[in-house]
N, C-alpha and C. Protein backbone atom coordinates (compact mmCIF):
# COMPACT_ATOMS: atom_id res chain seq x y z
N UNK A 1 -16.01 -22.39 -8.74
CA UNK A 1 -17.25 -22.95 -8.07
C UNK A 1 -18.20 -21.63 -8.29
N UNK A 2 -17.85 -20.24 -8.09
CA UNK A 2 -18.85 -19.22 -8.35
C UNK A 2 -18.89 -18.94 -9.90
N UNK A 3 -17.34 -18.64 -10.71
CA UNK A 3 -17.69 -18.66 -11.80
C UNK A 3 -18.75 -19.45 -12.69
N UNK A 4 -18.17 -21.04 -12.27
CA UNK A 4 -19.50 -22.26 -13.08
C UNK A 4 -20.95 -21.71 -12.68
N UNK A 5 -20.87 -21.51 -11.46
CA UNK A 5 -22.70 -20.79 -11.22
C UNK A 5 -23.22 -20.20 -11.75
N UNK A 6 -21.89 -19.00 -12.38
CA UNK A 6 -22.14 -17.16 -13.13
C UNK A 6 -22.75 -18.04 -14.43
N UNK A 7 -21.77 -18.55 -15.14
CA UNK A 7 -22.09 -19.31 -16.59
C UNK A 7 -23.40 -19.97 -16.35
N UNK A 8 -23.71 -20.84 -15.44
CA UNK A 8 -25.18 -21.72 -16.05
C UNK A 8 -26.05 -20.59 -15.83
N UNK A 9 -26.25 -19.76 -14.98
CA UNK A 9 -26.98 -18.67 -15.02
C UNK A 9 -27.22 -17.83 -16.39
N UNK A 10 -25.61 -17.43 -16.92
CA UNK A 10 -26.00 -16.68 -18.07
C UNK A 10 -26.31 -17.55 -19.14
N UNK A 11 -26.11 -18.96 -19.31
CA UNK A 11 -26.81 -19.82 -20.46
C UNK A 11 -28.20 -19.90 -19.79
N UNK A 12 -28.40 -20.18 -18.75
CA UNK A 12 -30.19 -20.30 -18.46
C UNK A 12 -30.88 -18.63 -19.09
N UNK A 13 -29.99 -17.62 -18.91
CA UNK A 13 -31.01 -16.66 -19.12
C UNK A 13 -30.68 -16.38 -20.84
N UNK A 14 -29.66 -16.70 -21.20
CA UNK A 14 -29.68 -16.54 -23.01
C UNK A 14 -30.97 -17.75 -23.69
N UNK A 15 -30.91 -18.63 -22.69
CA UNK A 15 -31.66 -19.37 -23.46
C UNK A 15 -33.20 -19.34 -23.13
N UNK A 16 -33.70 -18.79 -22.07
CA UNK A 16 -35.09 -17.74 -21.83
C UNK A 16 -35.44 -16.49 -22.83
N UNK A 17 -34.05 -15.91 -23.36
CA UNK A 17 -34.49 -14.64 -24.02
C UNK A 17 -34.31 -15.12 -25.40
N UNK A 18 -33.76 -16.29 -25.86
CA UNK A 18 -34.03 -17.02 -26.73
C UNK A 18 -35.93 -17.36 -27.19
N UNK A 19 -36.36 -17.97 -25.91
CA UNK A 19 -37.85 -18.65 -25.93
C UNK A 19 -38.55 -17.62 -25.67
N UNK A 20 -38.06 -16.44 -25.29
CA UNK A 20 -39.06 -15.39 -25.93
C UNK A 20 -39.20 -14.67 -27.10
N UNK A 21 -37.94 -14.22 -28.02
CA UNK A 21 -37.55 -13.75 -28.90
C UNK A 21 -38.62 -14.70 -30.02
N UNK A 22 -38.35 -16.20 -29.66
CA UNK A 22 -38.97 -16.67 -30.68
C UNK A 22 -40.79 -16.89 -30.76
N UNK A 23 -41.20 -16.51 -29.42
CA UNK A 23 -42.68 -16.14 -29.34
C UNK A 23 -43.10 -14.38 -29.81
N UNK A 24 -42.01 -13.82 -30.11
CA UNK A 24 -41.74 -12.18 -30.38
C UNK A 24 -41.90 -12.55 -32.05
N UNK A 25 -41.39 -13.49 -32.71
CA UNK A 25 -41.33 -13.51 -33.94
C UNK A 25 -42.36 -14.12 -34.79
N UNK A 26 -43.07 -15.03 -33.53
CA UNK A 26 -44.74 -15.41 -34.32
C UNK A 26 -45.85 -14.49 -33.96
N UNK A 27 -45.54 -14.00 -32.86
CA UNK A 27 -46.83 -12.77 -32.76
C UNK A 27 -46.64 -11.24 -32.58
N UNK A 28 -45.53 -10.90 -32.57
CA UNK A 28 -45.09 -9.72 -32.71
C UNK A 28 -45.79 -8.92 -31.75
N UNK A 29 -46.21 -9.25 -30.89
CA UNK A 29 -46.33 -8.78 -28.89
C UNK A 29 -45.07 -8.17 -28.70
N UNK A 30 -45.12 -7.22 -28.22
CA UNK A 30 -43.77 -5.98 -27.64
C UNK A 30 -43.77 -6.93 -26.21
N UNK A 31 -44.58 -7.22 -25.53
CA UNK A 31 -44.51 -7.62 -23.83
C UNK A 31 -43.14 -8.80 -24.40
N UNK A 32 -43.55 -10.13 -25.40
CA UNK A 32 -42.11 -10.71 -25.20
C UNK A 32 -40.77 -10.65 -26.11
N UNK A 33 -40.91 -9.05 -26.62
CA UNK A 33 -39.82 -8.65 -27.07
C UNK A 33 -38.73 -8.48 -26.17
N UNK A 34 -39.72 -7.05 -24.76
CA UNK A 34 -39.09 -6.68 -23.71
C UNK A 34 -38.46 -7.78 -22.71
N UNK A 35 -39.26 -9.14 -22.77
CA UNK A 35 -38.88 -9.87 -21.98
C UNK A 35 -37.21 -10.52 -22.37
N UNK A 36 -37.35 -10.59 -23.95
CA UNK A 36 -36.54 -10.99 -24.00
C UNK A 36 -35.12 -10.73 -23.98
N UNK A 37 -35.70 -8.80 -24.28
CA UNK A 37 -34.16 -8.38 -24.09
C UNK A 37 -33.93 -8.21 -22.88
N UNK A 38 -34.59 -7.98 -21.40
CA UNK A 38 -34.36 -8.25 -20.24
C UNK A 38 -33.61 -9.35 -19.76
N UNK A 39 -33.86 -10.48 -20.58
CA UNK A 39 -33.42 -11.48 -20.14
C UNK A 39 -31.69 -11.79 -21.08
N UNK A 40 -31.60 -11.37 -22.23
CA UNK A 40 -30.35 -11.15 -22.69
C UNK A 40 -29.33 -10.26 -21.79
N UNK A 41 -30.57 -9.00 -21.22
CA UNK A 41 -29.26 -7.73 -20.76
C UNK A 41 -28.57 -9.00 -18.83
N UNK A 42 -29.71 -9.47 -18.19
CA UNK A 42 -29.25 -10.22 -17.82
C UNK A 42 -27.90 -11.12 -17.58
N UNK A 43 -28.25 -12.31 -19.01
CA UNK A 43 -27.29 -12.63 -19.68
C UNK A 43 -25.58 -11.85 -19.22
N UNK A 44 -25.67 -10.99 -20.11
CA UNK A 44 -24.44 -9.81 -20.39
C UNK A 44 -24.03 -9.34 -19.20
N UNK A 45 -24.96 -9.32 -18.06
CA UNK A 45 -24.16 -8.79 -16.97
C UNK A 45 -23.51 -10.14 -16.27
N UNK A 46 -24.03 -10.94 -16.15
CA UNK A 46 -23.32 -12.34 -15.68
C UNK A 46 -21.97 -12.94 -16.37
N UNK A 47 -22.24 -12.32 -17.61
CA UNK A 47 -20.54 -12.51 -18.51
C UNK A 47 -19.67 -11.23 -17.86
N UNK A 48 -20.55 -10.24 -17.66
CA UNK A 48 -19.68 -9.21 -17.56
C UNK A 48 -18.74 -9.22 -15.84
N UNK A 49 -19.66 -9.97 -14.98
CA UNK A 49 -19.19 -10.34 -13.31
C UNK A 49 -17.85 -10.88 -13.74
N UNK A 50 -18.19 -12.12 -14.50
CA UNK A 50 -17.02 -13.53 -14.66
C UNK A 50 -16.00 -12.36 -15.07
N UNK A 51 -16.23 -11.81 -16.14
CA UNK A 51 -14.95 -11.09 -16.98
C UNK A 51 -13.99 -10.29 -16.47
N UNK A 52 -14.78 -9.22 -15.76
CA UNK A 52 -13.73 -8.15 -15.20
C UNK A 52 -13.46 -8.77 -14.03
N UNK A 53 -11.93 -8.03 -13.79
CA UNK A 53 -11.35 -8.43 -12.50
C UNK A 53 -11.93 -7.82 -11.13
N UNK A 54 -12.04 -8.23 -10.19
CA UNK A 54 -12.59 -7.89 -8.97
C UNK A 54 -13.92 -7.30 -8.80
N UNK A 55 -15.06 -8.12 -9.71
CA UNK A 55 -16.34 -7.57 -9.84
C UNK A 55 -16.85 -8.41 -8.83
N UNK A 56 -18.10 -7.81 -8.16
CA UNK A 56 -18.82 -8.44 -7.17
C UNK A 56 -20.01 -8.39 -7.63
N UNK A 57 -20.98 -9.24 -7.28
CA UNK A 57 -22.30 -8.81 -7.47
C UNK A 57 -22.86 -8.05 -7.21
N UNK A 58 -22.50 -7.28 -5.50
CA UNK A 58 -23.20 -5.95 -5.14
C UNK A 58 -22.84 -5.20 -5.78
N UNK A 59 -21.94 -5.07 -6.57
CA UNK A 59 -21.12 -3.59 -7.19
C UNK A 59 -22.53 -2.53 -8.01
N UNK A 60 -21.95 -1.04 -7.93
CA UNK A 60 -22.90 -0.38 -7.90
C UNK A 60 -23.52 -0.51 -9.86
N UNK A 61 -22.45 -1.33 -10.33
CA UNK A 61 -22.46 -1.18 -11.80
C UNK A 61 -23.34 -2.27 -12.10
N UNK A 62 -23.38 -3.63 -11.51
CA UNK A 62 -23.72 -4.76 -11.86
C UNK A 62 -25.39 -4.64 -10.87
N UNK A 63 -25.29 -3.92 -9.75
CA UNK A 63 -27.15 -3.97 -9.55
C UNK A 63 -27.78 -2.88 -10.31
N UNK A 64 -26.93 -2.01 -10.95
CA UNK A 64 -27.75 -0.79 -11.45
C UNK A 64 -28.25 -1.93 -13.21
N UNK A 65 -27.62 -2.40 -13.60
CA UNK A 65 -27.56 -3.33 -14.55
C UNK A 65 -28.88 -3.87 -14.40
N UNK A 66 -29.46 -5.02 -13.66
CA UNK A 66 -30.17 -6.07 -13.15
C UNK A 66 -31.34 -5.13 -12.82
N UNK A 67 -31.17 -4.09 -12.24
CA UNK A 67 -32.36 -3.21 -11.72
C UNK A 67 -33.23 -2.92 -13.26
N UNK A 68 -32.23 -2.25 -13.81
CA UNK A 68 -33.20 -2.06 -15.20
C UNK A 68 -33.48 -3.10 -15.97
N UNK A 69 -33.01 -3.74 -16.09
CA UNK A 69 -33.55 -5.34 -16.42
C UNK A 69 -34.78 -5.80 -15.94
N UNK A 70 -34.85 -5.79 -14.87
CA UNK A 70 -35.89 -5.73 -13.93
C UNK A 70 -37.39 -4.85 -14.28
N UNK A 71 -36.89 -3.85 -14.46
CA UNK A 71 -37.30 -2.47 -14.32
C UNK A 71 -38.15 -2.40 -15.94
N UNK A 72 -37.41 -3.33 -16.92
CA UNK A 72 -38.24 -3.50 -18.25
C UNK A 72 -39.00 -4.94 -18.26
N UNK A 73 -38.68 -5.71 -17.45
CA UNK A 73 -40.02 -6.81 -16.93
C UNK A 73 -40.94 -5.98 -16.31
N UNK A 74 -40.99 -5.35 -15.27
CA UNK A 74 -42.55 -4.52 -14.96
C UNK A 74 -42.68 -3.56 -15.81
N UNK A 75 -41.82 -3.26 -16.63
CA UNK A 75 -42.87 -2.06 -17.71
C UNK A 75 -43.40 -2.95 -18.93
N UNK A 76 -42.89 -4.21 -19.39
CA UNK A 76 -43.68 -5.16 -19.84
C UNK A 76 -45.26 -5.16 -19.76
N UNK A 77 -45.27 -5.97 -18.51
CA UNK A 77 -46.49 -6.49 -17.88
C UNK A 77 -47.47 -5.34 -17.65
N UNK A 78 -46.44 -3.97 -17.23
CA UNK A 78 -47.87 -3.01 -17.17
C UNK A 78 -48.17 -2.24 -18.35
N UNK A 79 -47.59 -2.29 -19.21
CA UNK A 79 -47.57 -2.55 -20.45
C UNK A 79 -48.77 -3.23 -21.50
N UNK A 80 -49.00 -4.81 -21.15
CA UNK A 80 -49.39 -5.55 -21.39
C UNK A 80 -51.08 -5.00 -20.57
N UNK A 81 -51.15 -4.69 -19.56
CA UNK A 81 -52.43 -5.37 -19.04
C UNK A 81 -53.01 -3.66 -19.08
N UNK A 82 -52.25 -2.75 -19.43
CA UNK A 82 -52.82 -1.48 -19.71
C UNK A 82 -54.18 -1.64 -20.69
N UNK A 83 -55.07 -0.63 -20.37
CA UNK A 83 -56.36 -0.05 -21.37
C UNK A 83 -56.24 0.09 -22.22
N UNK A 84 -56.39 -0.69 -22.88
CA UNK A 84 -56.22 -0.24 -24.43
C UNK A 84 -56.98 0.49 -25.21
N UNK A 85 -58.21 1.08 -24.86
CA UNK A 85 -60.08 1.16 -24.86
C UNK A 85 -59.76 2.83 -24.89
N UNK A 86 -58.91 3.28 -24.25
CA UNK A 86 -58.97 4.76 -23.71
C UNK A 86 -58.34 5.79 -24.63
């Protein structure tokens, strides 16, 4: 059951990454590229958790990967809202 849910989350993350990548190709806005990269990392993280034996969601490796992914989202938001006139 856990593997099935992880697969569904990985698939959803991949679809979201492709959605943001589509908008990046149309606008060339770095915001969409960073969001796409973040969701693609989350997709790979879920796939690795299922494939590696004995892997758990609270493992330091997987937690660090998710943390980096969330930092990318935070950076994208801050970068988008930064004052460009300065």
